[in-house]
Amino acid sequence: MTTDTTVTTRTADRTDAATSQAARDAVAKVSTGVFIDGEWSESASGARFDVVNPATEEVIATVADGGPEDARRAIETAGRVQKEWAKTAPRERSEILRRAYDLIMARQDELALVMTTEMGKPFAEAKGEVAYAAEFFRWFSEEAVRIGGDVTTTGDGKNRILVSKEPVGPCVLVTPWNFPLAMGTRKIGPAIAAGCTIVFKPANLTPLSSLALADILVEAGLPKGVLNVVCTSKASSVVTPWMESGIARKVSFTGSTEVGVKLLEQAARHVMRSSMELGGNAPFIVFEDADLDRAVEGAVAAKMRNMGEACTAANRLFVQRPVAEEFARRLAARLGALTVGDGAKDGTDVGPLVEEKALVKVQELVDDAVAKGATVVCGGSRPERPGYFYSPTVLSDVDPAADLMSEEIFGPVAPVIPFDTEEEVTRLANDTPWGLVGYLFTQDVDRGFRMGEALEVGMVGLNTGIVSNPAAPFGGIKASGLGREGGRVGIEEFLEYKYMAVPRG
């Protein structure tokens, strides 16, 4: 028995060593400069910032730290190239995106290793994100050749009404750290398909996936100057010059509501088209007639995707009182069995949070809930190991006054709140400034549709914990944002309508 254990351990060590080397090799291939007018270079200041692996707290790369001068060059390039790029045949734009899709899928393992290393997501989940990210390019490659128009006649019969669609113009794209590849393709895909040039700022915590994407688009044949990428440790030093340039005609941002409001204020000064995918506080509602096994699996999917660091994450789990205790028990058993560890290693279910600050916030929210009467069913603390890890946690009997009821948790914490009536849970679910997504589980079809209509959200998952899909319009209402990404409407965010009146002969 001892011999078998020794062999297993040594094999695992060799596997881990090989994985670590593969991750280092994948990271080493990524270009780390600023990318402007088709060329990689150092930032104007020559400064660089560190990228840290949250599982080990080790620096894995340094990236050029862009500033105002780099931002100016990037937006001026986008403005200069816009007119010519807009004339490009839709089929050409389509084929660029399709080739990029093929390249991403061919490098799925390599890109997943980069993602896992820079932000901690388990490798299997990272591979899933790479495929999801690629699908946006495939989807919008098909939409590029379907940009339509309209011809009608005025009511008095005297004029023809010709309606066409044109690219909105140079676009400012700003993405978050939690889905570093998919958030880039979800914005870049429709911009390219529509014929818009781009200035792009990825998150400074996870720039490598986005930088790798830039190289893929070059290889796919994207002309110089269409995509310009500037990473920075100080977002305002790059984004503010873009917003105030007078060149940019559109901004698309995914991130916090606080930052989104500031960008909307800046956009208003230049009357820029704006798409905002902001915060969430998703209710997850389980009625007593629900299939509890299905509801628990839905909760795991809705809560634990990306370690709970998602705007779509189930934040408040409302469970009808007769089944609340049993649901909490089953969910705790399910989450307690998950393996926490370095996402690059086999068998890991839950990786680290992205940084120390995130870890501290999650612990503060749990401590506040417990102080206000919540019971820890499982988890409730960070494991004693290096890295920014937090144990999957279930809390029962959570007081509605607890801070985590009104703040995004952004961590693997599932608070279970009992409720009695449909009217009560509707009021509790809607008692938030956010309205991105809601989930509900019931076997009553009428109640499913009734609750789906009553929830003040942009998306509803009925008996499912996953709503994101490139073919669906993603977005929220209230403080969760403006506009939609993906689906048939996703490209419309990057197009302007032009109407021409033509007298009938």
Protein backbone atom coordinates (compact mmCIF):
# COMPACT_ATOMS: atom_id res chain seq x y z
CA MET A 1 0.00 0.00 0.00
CA THR A 2 2.86 2.35 0.84
CA THR A 3 4.51 1.63 -2.50
CA ASP A 4 1.30 2.44 -4.41
CA THR A 5 0.93 5.76 -2.58
CA THR A 6 4.53 6.69 -3.32
CA VAL A 7 4.13 5.93 -7.01
CA THR A 8 0.91 7.96 -7.17
CA THR A 9 2.55 10.93 -5.46
CA ARG A 10 5.57 10.89 -7.74
CA THR A 11 3.37 10.66 -10.83
CA ALA A 12 1.31 13.62 -9.60
CA ASP A 13 4.51 15.60 -8.97
CA ARG A 14 5.70 14.93 -12.51
CA THR A 15 2.27 15.91 -13.88
CA ASP A 16 2.24 19.13 -11.85
CA ALA A 17 5.76 19.96 -12.99
CA ALA A 18 4.82 19.38 -16.63
CA THR A 19 1.70 21.50 -16.23
CA SER A 20 3.66 24.30 -14.60
CA GLN A 21 6.19 24.26 -17.42
CA ALA A 22 3.43 24.26 -20.04
CA ALA A 23 1.83 27.24 -18.29
CA ARG A 24 5.13 29.13 -18.22
CA ASP A 25 5.66 28.37 -21.90
CA ALA A 26 2.15 29.56 -22.78
CA VAL A 27 2.59 32.80 -20.83
CA ALA A 28 6.02 33.39 -22.38
CA LYS A 29 4.49 33.38 -25.89
CA VAL A 30 2.20 36.32 -25.12
CA SER A 31 3.27 39.73 -26.43
CA THR A 32 3.35 42.18 -23.52
CA GLY A 33 3.73 45.61 -25.09
CA VAL A 34 1.19 48.18 -26.24
CA PHE A 35 -0.33 47.32 -29.60
CA ILE A 36 -0.93 50.36 -31.82
CA ASP A 37 -1.28 50.56 -35.60
CA GLY A 38 -0.34 46.92 -36.00
CA GLU A 39 2.92 47.19 -34.06
CA TRP A 40 4.00 46.05 -30.60
CA SER A 41 6.14 48.50 -28.61
CA GLU A 42 6.99 49.60 -25.12
CA SER A 43 4.78 52.24 -23.52
CA ALA A 44 5.79 55.87 -23.97
CA SER A 45 6.97 55.99 -20.35
CA GLY A 46 8.79 52.67 -20.54
CA ALA A 47 7.01 51.58 -17.34
CA ARG A 48 5.70 48.06 -16.80
CA PHE A 49 3.41 46.44 -14.21
CA ASP A 50 3.34 42.95 -12.72
CA VAL A 51 0.82 40.20 -13.41
CA VAL A 52 0.41 37.88 -10.41
CA ASN A 53 -0.80 34.28 -10.25
CA PRO A 54 -3.45 34.37 -7.48
CA ALA A 55 -2.92 30.69 -6.67
CA THR A 56 0.76 31.16 -5.80
CA GLU A 57 1.08 34.95 -5.33
CA GLU A 58 4.03 34.82 -7.74
CA VAL A 59 4.73 37.32 -10.53
CA ILE A 60 4.27 35.51 -13.85
CA ALA A 61 4.82 38.40 -16.30
CA THR A 62 5.27 42.13 -16.64
CA VAL A 63 3.22 44.17 -19.10
CA ALA A 64 3.79 47.58 -20.67
CA ASP A 65 2.06 50.22 -18.54
CA GLY A 66 0.30 52.53 -20.96
CA GLY A 67 -0.46 56.17 -20.30
CA PRO A 68 -1.92 59.30 -21.92
CA GLU A 69 0.59 59.41 -24.80
CA ASP A 70 -0.10 55.78 -25.72
CA ALA A 71 -3.82 56.45 -25.47
CA ARG A 72 -3.52 59.43 -27.81
CA ARG A 73 -1.65 57.44 -30.44
CA ALA A 74 -4.15 54.61 -30.21
CA ILE A 75 -7.29 56.73 -30.64
CA GLU A 76 -5.74 58.81 -33.42
CA THR A 77 -4.87 55.60 -35.24
CA ALA A 78 -8.42 54.30 -34.85
CA GLY A 79 -9.79 57.59 -36.15
CA ARG A 80 -7.47 57.63 -39.17
CA VAL A 81 -8.23 54.03 -40.16
CA GLN A 82 -12.01 54.16 -39.59
CA LYS A 83 -13.16 55.42 -42.98
CA GLU A 84 -11.17 52.85 -44.96
CA TRP A 85 -12.10 49.99 -42.65
CA ALA A 86 -15.80 50.88 -42.92
CA LYS A 87 -15.56 50.32 -46.69
CA THR A 88 -14.32 46.76 -46.24
CA ALA A 89 -16.61 44.13 -47.71
CA PRO A 90 -18.80 42.42 -45.09
CA ARG A 91 -17.59 39.03 -46.34
CA GLU A 92 -13.98 40.03 -45.69
CA ARG A 93 -14.80 41.07 -42.13
CA SER A 94 -16.74 37.84 -41.70
CA GLU A 95 -13.84 35.68 -42.83
CA ILE A 96 -11.38 37.44 -40.53
CA LEU A 97 -13.60 36.61 -37.57
CA ARG A 98 -14.09 33.04 -38.73
CA ARG A 99 -10.34 32.51 -39.08
CA ALA A 100 -9.86 33.98 -35.59
CA TYR A 101 -12.46 31.52 -34.26
CA ASP A 102 -10.55 28.61 -35.80
CA LEU A 103 -7.24 29.85 -34.37
CA ILE A 104 -8.69 30.22 -30.87
CA MET A 105 -10.10 26.71 -30.94
CA ALA A 106 -6.83 25.30 -32.24
CA ARG A 107 -5.06 26.87 -29.23
CA GLN A 108 -7.72 26.11 -26.64
CA ASP A 109 -5.40 24.38 -24.18
CA GLU A 110 -2.69 27.02 -24.48
CA LEU A 111 -5.10 29.93 -23.99
CA ALA A 112 -6.76 28.14 -21.07
CA LEU A 113 -3.38 27.75 -19.36
CA VAL A 114 -2.69 31.47 -19.77
CA MET A 115 -6.09 32.29 -18.29
CA THR A 116 -5.74 29.88 -15.39
CA THR A 117 -2.30 31.20 -14.55
CA GLU A 118 -3.26 34.87 -14.54
CA MET A 119 -6.62 34.65 -12.76
CA GLY A 120 -6.96 31.25 -11.09
CA LYS A 121 -9.91 29.71 -12.93
CA PRO A 122 -9.71 25.88 -12.94
CA PHE A 123 -8.27 24.60 -16.21
CA ALA A 124 -11.40 22.74 -17.31
CA GLU A 125 -13.50 25.84 -16.70
CA ALA A 126 -10.93 28.00 -18.49
CA LYS A 127 -11.16 25.71 -21.52
CA GLY A 128 -14.90 26.22 -21.42
CA GLU A 129 -14.44 29.98 -21.44
CA VAL A 130 -12.06 29.78 -24.40
CA ALA A 131 -14.70 27.88 -26.39
CA TYR A 132 -17.38 30.34 -25.25
CA ALA A 133 -15.16 33.27 -26.25
CA ALA A 134 -14.49 31.78 -29.68
CA GLU A 135 -18.22 31.37 -30.28
CA PHE A 136 -18.68 35.15 -30.24
CA PHE A 137 -16.33 35.43 -33.21
CA ARG A 138 -18.15 32.64 -35.04
CA TRP A 139 -21.54 34.18 -34.25
CA PHE A 140 -20.59 37.66 -35.40
CA SER A 141 -18.77 36.34 -38.45
CA GLU A 142 -22.23 35.21 -39.55
CA GLU A 143 -23.92 38.47 -38.53
CA ALA A 144 -21.40 40.57 -40.50
CA VAL A 145 -22.97 39.54 -43.82
CA ARG A 146 -26.53 40.01 -42.56
CA ILE A 147 -26.50 43.74 -41.84
CA GLY A 148 -29.74 44.79 -43.47
CA GLY A 149 -31.78 47.86 -44.29
CA ASP A 150 -35.28 48.74 -45.41
CA VAL A 151 -37.19 50.35 -48.26
CA THR A 152 -40.73 51.60 -47.74
CA THR A 153 -43.01 54.31 -49.06
CA THR A 154 -44.29 57.35 -47.21
CA GLY A 155 -47.92 57.40 -46.23
CA ASP A 156 -48.78 59.97 -48.88
CA GLY A 157 -47.04 57.87 -51.55
CA LYS A 158 -44.74 60.69 -52.68
CA ASN A 159 -41.36 59.48 -51.36
CA ARG A 160 -39.40 56.31 -50.92
CA ILE A 161 -37.86 55.78 -47.49
CA LEU A 162 -34.45 54.14 -47.81
CA VAL A 163 -32.91 53.02 -44.52
CA SER A 164 -29.32 51.77 -44.33
CA LYS A 165 -26.95 50.94 -41.48
CA GLU A 166 -23.41 52.24 -41.11
CA PRO A 167 -20.62 51.64 -38.57
CA VAL A 168 -20.97 53.91 -35.55
CA GLY A 169 -17.24 54.75 -35.71
CA PRO A 170 -14.20 54.32 -33.45
CA CYS A 171 -15.12 52.39 -30.29
CA VAL A 172 -13.72 52.43 -26.77
CA LEU A 173 -13.89 48.90 -25.32
CA VAL A 174 -13.14 48.28 -21.63
CA THR A 175 -13.32 44.78 -20.17
CA PRO A 176 -13.14 43.23 -16.67
CA TRP A 177 -10.80 40.62 -15.22
CA ASN A 178 -13.24 37.82 -14.42
CA PHE A 179 -13.79 36.55 -17.98
CA PRO A 180 -10.67 37.93 -19.65
CA LEU A 181 -11.07 36.30 -23.06
CA ALA A 182 -14.85 36.10 -23.49
CA MET A 183 -15.49 39.72 -22.52
CA GLY A 184 -13.00 40.79 -25.18
CA THR A 185 -14.51 38.71 -27.98
CA ARG A 186 -18.05 39.69 -26.97
CA LYS A 187 -17.18 43.33 -27.71
CA ILE A 188 -14.51 43.04 -30.40
CA GLY A 189 -16.56 40.57 -32.48
CA PRO A 190 -19.53 42.86 -33.22
CA ALA A 191 -17.29 45.91 -33.60
CA ILE A 192 -15.26 44.20 -36.32
CA ALA A 193 -18.38 42.74 -37.94
CA ALA A 194 -19.99 46.19 -38.09
CA GLY A 195 -16.89 47.88 -39.55
CA CYS A 196 -15.75 49.84 -36.49
CA THR A 197 -12.18 50.50 -35.41
CA ILE A 198 -11.27 49.83 -31.79
CA VAL A 199 -9.25 51.06 -28.84
CA PHE A 200 -9.25 48.36 -26.19
CA LYS A 201 -8.23 48.41 -22.52
CA PRO A 202 -8.23 45.02 -20.78
CA ALA A 203 -8.20 44.73 -16.99
CA ASN A 204 -4.76 45.15 -15.43
CA LEU A 205 -5.24 42.05 -13.25
CA THR A 206 -5.69 39.79 -16.30
CA PRO A 207 -4.16 41.39 -19.42
CA LEU A 208 -2.47 38.33 -20.89
CA SER A 209 -5.54 36.63 -22.37
CA SER A 210 -6.49 39.85 -24.16
CA LEU A 211 -2.98 40.42 -25.45
CA ALA A 212 -2.90 36.87 -26.81
CA LEU A 213 -6.18 37.63 -28.57
CA ALA A 214 -4.61 40.61 -30.34
CA ASP A 215 -1.92 38.38 -31.85
CA ILE A 216 -4.58 35.90 -32.99
CA LEU A 217 -6.53 38.64 -34.79
CA VAL A 218 -3.37 39.80 -36.55
CA GLU A 219 -2.74 36.23 -37.69
CA ALA A 220 -6.36 36.05 -38.86
CA GLY A 221 -5.73 38.98 -41.19
CA LEU A 222 -7.11 41.99 -39.32
CA PRO A 223 -5.63 45.10 -40.99
CA LYS A 224 -3.28 47.43 -39.12
CA GLY A 225 -4.91 50.04 -36.94
CA VAL A 226 -8.33 48.40 -36.68
CA LEU A 227 -7.57 47.05 -33.20
CA ASN A 228 -5.36 48.98 -30.78
CA VAL A 229 -4.68 47.62 -27.29
CA VAL A 230 -3.31 49.58 -24.34
CA CYS A 231 -2.99 47.94 -20.93
CA THR A 232 -2.43 50.15 -17.91
CA SER A 233 -2.21 50.07 -14.13
CA LYS A 234 -4.24 53.29 -13.98
CA ALA A 235 -7.38 53.03 -16.08
CA SER A 236 -8.25 56.73 -16.09
CA SER A 237 -4.88 57.64 -17.64
CA VAL A 238 -5.89 55.76 -20.80
CA VAL A 239 -9.69 55.69 -20.87
CA THR A 240 -10.25 59.37 -20.04
CA PRO A 241 -8.14 60.60 -23.00
CA TRP A 242 -10.14 58.26 -25.26
CA MET A 243 -13.46 59.49 -23.92
CA GLU A 244 -12.44 63.15 -24.23
CA SER A 245 -10.74 62.82 -27.63
CA GLY A 246 -13.74 63.76 -29.73
CA ILE A 247 -12.73 60.88 -32.02
CA ALA A 248 -14.46 57.98 -30.24
CA ARG A 249 -18.13 57.58 -31.11
CA LYS A 250 -19.01 54.60 -28.93
CA VAL A 251 -18.09 53.17 -25.53
CA SER A 252 -18.76 49.62 -24.38
CA PHE A 253 -17.88 48.82 -20.78
CA THR A 254 -18.27 45.80 -18.52
CA GLY A 255 -17.55 46.36 -14.84
CA SER A 256 -18.87 48.05 -11.75
CA THR A 257 -21.89 50.34 -11.74
CA GLU A 258 -19.78 53.05 -10.07
CA VAL A 259 -17.28 53.17 -12.94
CA GLY A 260 -20.05 52.80 -15.51
CA VAL A 261 -21.78 55.91 -14.21
CA LYS A 262 -18.53 57.91 -14.56
CA LEU A 263 -18.10 56.72 -18.14
CA LEU A 264 -21.70 57.67 -18.94
CA GLU A 265 -21.02 61.15 -17.60
CA GLN A 266 -17.98 61.42 -19.86
CA ALA A 267 -19.89 59.99 -22.82
CA ALA A 268 -22.66 62.55 -22.37
CA ARG A 269 -20.25 65.40 -23.02
CA HIS A 270 -19.60 64.06 -26.52
CA VAL A 271 -23.01 62.39 -27.03
CA MET A 272 -21.37 58.98 -27.49
CA ARG A 273 -23.30 55.76 -28.01
CA SER A 274 -22.98 53.73 -24.81
CA SER A 275 -23.31 50.07 -23.83
CA MET A 276 -22.92 49.25 -20.15
CA GLU A 277 -22.91 45.79 -18.57
CA LEU A 278 -22.65 46.61 -14.88
CA GLY A 279 -23.19 45.04 -11.48
CA GLY A 280 -25.63 42.35 -10.44
CA ASN A 281 -27.35 41.04 -7.34
CA ALA A 282 -29.03 37.96 -8.77
CA PRO A 283 -31.88 36.31 -6.88
CA PHE A 284 -32.06 32.51 -7.04
CA ILE A 285 -35.57 31.38 -6.11
CA VAL A 286 -36.53 27.82 -5.21
CA PHE A 287 -40.20 27.00 -4.68
CA GLU A 288 -41.31 24.04 -2.55
CA ASP A 289 -42.49 22.12 -5.65
CA ALA A 290 -39.08 22.36 -7.36
CA ASP A 291 -36.99 19.32 -8.21
CA LEU A 292 -34.46 19.85 -5.39
CA ASP A 293 -31.66 17.87 -7.04
CA ARG A 294 -32.04 19.98 -10.17
CA ALA A 295 -32.23 23.15 -8.09
CA VAL A 296 -29.06 22.28 -6.19
CA GLU A 297 -27.16 21.62 -9.43
CA GLY A 298 -28.53 24.89 -10.81
CA ALA A 299 -27.33 26.69 -7.69
CA VAL A 300 -23.85 25.20 -8.05
CA ALA A 301 -23.71 26.40 -11.66
CA ALA A 302 -25.11 29.85 -10.90
CA LYS A 303 -23.04 30.38 -7.75
CA MET A 304 -19.71 28.68 -8.40
CA ARG A 305 -18.94 29.72 -11.97
CA ASN A 306 -15.57 31.44 -11.78
CA MET A 307 -15.47 30.95 -7.99
CA GLY A 308 -18.54 33.15 -7.69
CA GLU A 309 -16.72 36.07 -9.29
CA ALA A 310 -19.37 36.81 -11.90
CA CYS A 311 -22.01 39.49 -12.30
CA THR A 312 -24.46 36.68 -13.10
CA ALA A 313 -23.63 34.76 -9.90
CA ALA A 314 -26.53 33.78 -7.66
CA ASN A 315 -26.12 36.27 -4.83
CA ARG A 316 -29.29 35.72 -2.77
CA LEU A 317 -30.77 32.21 -2.60
CA PHE A 318 -34.43 32.47 -1.60
CA VAL A 319 -35.87 29.05 -0.74
CA GLN A 320 -39.50 28.43 0.27
CA ARG A 321 -39.58 27.59 3.96
CA PRO A 322 -40.78 23.94 3.82
CA VAL A 323 -37.68 22.95 1.80
CA ALA A 324 -35.17 25.61 2.91
CA GLU A 325 -33.38 23.45 5.48
CA GLU A 326 -33.14 20.45 3.16
CA PHE A 327 -31.94 22.59 0.26
CA ALA A 328 -29.22 24.17 2.42
CA ARG A 329 -28.13 20.72 3.61
CA ARG A 330 -27.90 19.31 0.08
CA LEU A 331 -26.14 22.41 -1.25
CA ALA A 332 -23.62 22.33 1.60
CA ALA A 333 -22.89 18.66 0.90
CA ARG A 334 -22.36 19.47 -2.76
CA LEU A 335 -20.13 22.52 -2.20
CA GLY A 336 -18.27 20.94 0.70
CA ALA A 337 -17.18 18.09 -1.59
CA LEU A 338 -15.52 20.44 -4.09
CA THR A 339 -11.72 20.47 -4.23
CA VAL A 340 -10.09 23.85 -3.66
CA GLY A 341 -6.68 24.37 -5.21
CA ASP A 342 -4.47 25.70 -7.98
CA GLY A 343 -6.61 25.78 -11.11
CA ALA A 344 -3.75 24.49 -13.25
CA LYS A 345 -3.66 21.17 -11.37
CA ASP A 346 -5.85 18.17 -12.17
CA GLY A 347 -8.83 17.61 -9.91
CA THR A 348 -9.31 21.23 -8.88
CA ASP A 349 -12.92 22.39 -8.76
CA VAL A 350 -12.50 25.80 -7.13
CA GLY A 351 -9.58 28.12 -7.75
CA PRO A 352 -8.48 31.23 -5.85
CA LEU A 353 -10.10 34.63 -5.85
CA VAL A 354 -8.33 37.13 -8.04
CA GLU A 355 -6.56 39.22 -5.36
CA GLU A 356 -6.15 39.75 -1.63
CA LYS A 357 -8.65 42.62 -1.60
CA ALA A 358 -11.37 40.33 -2.93
CA LEU A 359 -10.61 37.78 -0.24
CA VAL A 360 -10.88 40.36 2.53
CA LYS A 361 -14.23 41.61 1.22
CA VAL A 362 -15.74 38.12 1.11
CA GLN A 363 -14.65 37.39 4.68
CA GLU A 364 -16.10 40.69 5.88
CA LEU A 365 -19.46 39.90 4.28
CA VAL A 366 -19.56 36.43 5.84
CA ASP A 367 -18.59 37.78 9.28
CA ASP A 368 -21.31 40.43 9.05
CA ALA A 369 -23.96 37.85 8.12
CA VAL A 370 -22.94 35.57 11.00
CA ALA A 371 -22.97 38.49 13.43
CA LYS A 372 -26.57 39.14 12.33
CA GLY A 373 -27.69 35.59 13.04
CA ALA A 374 -26.71 33.48 10.01
CA THR A 375 -25.51 29.91 10.55
CA VAL A 376 -22.45 28.58 8.73
CA VAL A 377 -23.49 25.25 7.22
CA CYS A 378 -20.14 24.72 5.50
CA GLY A 379 -17.01 26.79 4.84
CA GLY A 380 -16.96 30.27 6.30
CA SER A 381 -13.20 30.83 6.25
CA ARG A 382 -10.10 30.75 4.08
CA PRO A 383 -7.96 27.59 4.05
CA GLU A 384 -4.48 27.82 5.51
CA ARG A 385 -2.39 27.84 2.37
CA PRO A 386 -0.67 30.38 0.10
CA GLY A 387 -2.87 32.07 -2.49
CA TYR A 388 -6.15 33.95 -2.36
CA PHE A 389 -8.39 30.98 -1.62
CA TYR A 390 -11.75 30.94 0.13
CA SER A 391 -13.66 27.81 1.06
CA PRO A 392 -17.04 27.25 -0.63
CA THR A 393 -19.57 28.46 1.93
CA VAL A 394 -23.27 27.98 2.62
CA LEU A 395 -25.03 30.21 5.14
CA SER A 396 -28.55 29.46 6.36
CA ASP A 397 -31.19 31.68 7.99
CA VAL A 398 -29.58 34.84 6.64
CA ASP A 399 -31.07 38.09 7.91
CA PRO A 400 -32.32 40.36 5.09
CA ALA A 401 -30.39 43.16 6.83
CA ALA A 402 -27.03 41.43 6.25
CA ASP A 403 -24.66 43.39 4.01
CA LEU A 404 -24.34 40.54 1.50
CA MET A 405 -28.01 40.98 0.68
CA SER A 406 -27.32 44.39 -0.85
CA GLU A 407 -23.72 43.99 -2.06
CA GLU A 408 -22.23 41.74 -4.74
CA ILE A 409 -20.42 38.94 -2.94
CA PHE A 410 -18.06 38.04 -5.80
CA GLY A 411 -16.95 34.89 -4.04
CA PRO A 412 -18.00 31.28 -3.34
CA VAL A 413 -20.59 32.15 -0.68
CA ALA A 414 -24.23 31.02 -0.94
CA PRO A 415 -26.60 32.70 1.54
CA VAL A 416 -29.92 30.86 1.91
CA ILE A 417 -32.92 32.98 2.91
CA PRO A 418 -36.27 31.31 3.66
CA PHE A 419 -39.53 32.80 2.33
CA ASP A 420 -43.20 31.95 2.60
CA THR A 421 -45.19 33.39 -0.28
CA GLU A 422 -44.76 34.25 -3.94
CA GLU A 423 -45.59 37.88 -3.20
CA GLU A 424 -42.96 38.05 -0.46
CA VAL A 425 -40.16 36.61 -2.57
CA THR A 426 -41.03 38.85 -5.52
CA ARG A 427 -40.70 41.88 -3.26
CA LEU A 428 -37.41 40.66 -1.77
CA ALA A 429 -35.94 39.71 -5.15
CA ASN A 430 -36.75 43.10 -6.69
CA ASP A 431 -35.56 45.07 -3.65
CA THR A 432 -32.25 46.04 -5.23
CA PRO A 433 -30.99 48.76 -7.58
CA TRP A 434 -29.60 46.05 -9.89
CA GLY A 435 -31.49 43.98 -12.42
CA LEU A 436 -29.18 41.77 -14.45
CA VAL A 437 -30.40 38.19 -14.04
CA GLY A 438 -32.71 36.12 -11.88
CA TYR A 439 -33.09 32.35 -11.50
CA LEU A 440 -36.17 30.42 -10.44
CA PHE A 441 -36.96 26.77 -9.95
CA THR A 442 -40.50 25.45 -9.98
CA GLN A 443 -42.45 22.68 -11.70
CA ASP A 444 -45.51 24.91 -11.99
CA VAL A 445 -45.44 26.25 -15.57
CA ASP A 446 -47.87 29.08 -14.86
CA ARG A 447 -45.85 30.23 -11.85
CA GLY A 448 -42.65 29.99 -13.87
CA PHE A 449 -43.95 32.42 -16.49
CA ARG A 450 -45.64 34.62 -13.88
CA MET A 451 -42.46 34.96 -11.83
CA GLY A 452 -40.34 35.39 -14.95
CA GLU A 453 -42.44 38.40 -15.87
CA ALA A 454 -42.48 39.77 -12.31
CA LEU A 455 -38.70 39.75 -11.79
CA GLU A 456 -37.13 43.13 -12.60
CA VAL A 457 -34.18 41.76 -14.56
CA GLY A 458 -32.94 41.60 -18.13
CA MET A 459 -32.50 37.80 -18.13
CA VAL A 460 -34.22 34.90 -16.40
CA GLY A 461 -33.04 31.33 -15.93
CA LEU A 462 -36.09 29.08 -15.50
CA ASN A 463 -35.00 25.73 -14.02
CA THR A 464 -31.42 26.40 -15.16
CA GLY A 465 -28.42 28.06 -13.54
CA ILE A 466 -26.82 29.20 -16.81
CA VAL A 467 -28.12 31.98 -19.07
CA SER A 468 -25.04 33.15 -20.99
CA ASN A 469 -24.90 32.21 -24.67
CA PRO A 470 -23.51 34.07 -27.71
CA ALA A 471 -26.85 33.62 -29.50
CA ALA A 472 -28.78 35.35 -26.68
CA PRO A 473 -29.05 39.09 -25.88
CA PHE A 474 -27.04 39.52 -22.66
CA GLY A 475 -27.72 42.54 -20.47
CA GLY A 476 -29.71 44.03 -17.63
CA ILE A 477 -31.99 46.83 -16.53
CA LYS A 478 -31.92 49.43 -13.74
CA ALA A 479 -28.37 49.90 -12.38
CA SER A 480 -27.18 46.77 -14.20
CA GLY A 481 -26.68 48.59 -17.46
CA LEU A 482 -27.73 49.72 -20.89
CA GLY A 483 -27.87 47.82 -24.18
CA ARG A 484 -27.34 44.18 -25.02
CA GLU A 485 -24.38 42.04 -26.09
CA GLY A 486 -24.66 38.91 -28.20
CA GLY A 487 -27.65 37.63 -30.09
CA ARG A 488 -29.08 39.27 -33.18
CA VAL A 489 -29.20 42.65 -31.43
CA GLY A 490 -25.52 42.62 -30.40
CA ILE A 491 -24.28 44.06 -33.68
CA GLU A 492 -26.93 46.80 -33.63
CA GLU A 493 -25.07 48.43 -30.74
CA PHE A 494 -22.26 49.20 -33.22
CA LEU A 495 -24.42 50.48 -36.10
CA GLU A 496 -26.11 53.80 -36.89
CA TYR A 497 -29.25 54.11 -39.00
CA LYS A 498 -29.27 56.44 -41.99
CA TYR A 499 -32.51 57.44 -43.70
CA MET A 500 -32.64 58.80 -47.23
CA ALA A 501 -35.80 60.33 -48.72
CA VAL A 502 -36.13 59.75 -52.47
CA PRO A 503 -39.06 61.21 -54.48
CA ARG A 504 -41.00 58.67 -56.50
CA GLY A 505 -40.81 59.36 -60.22
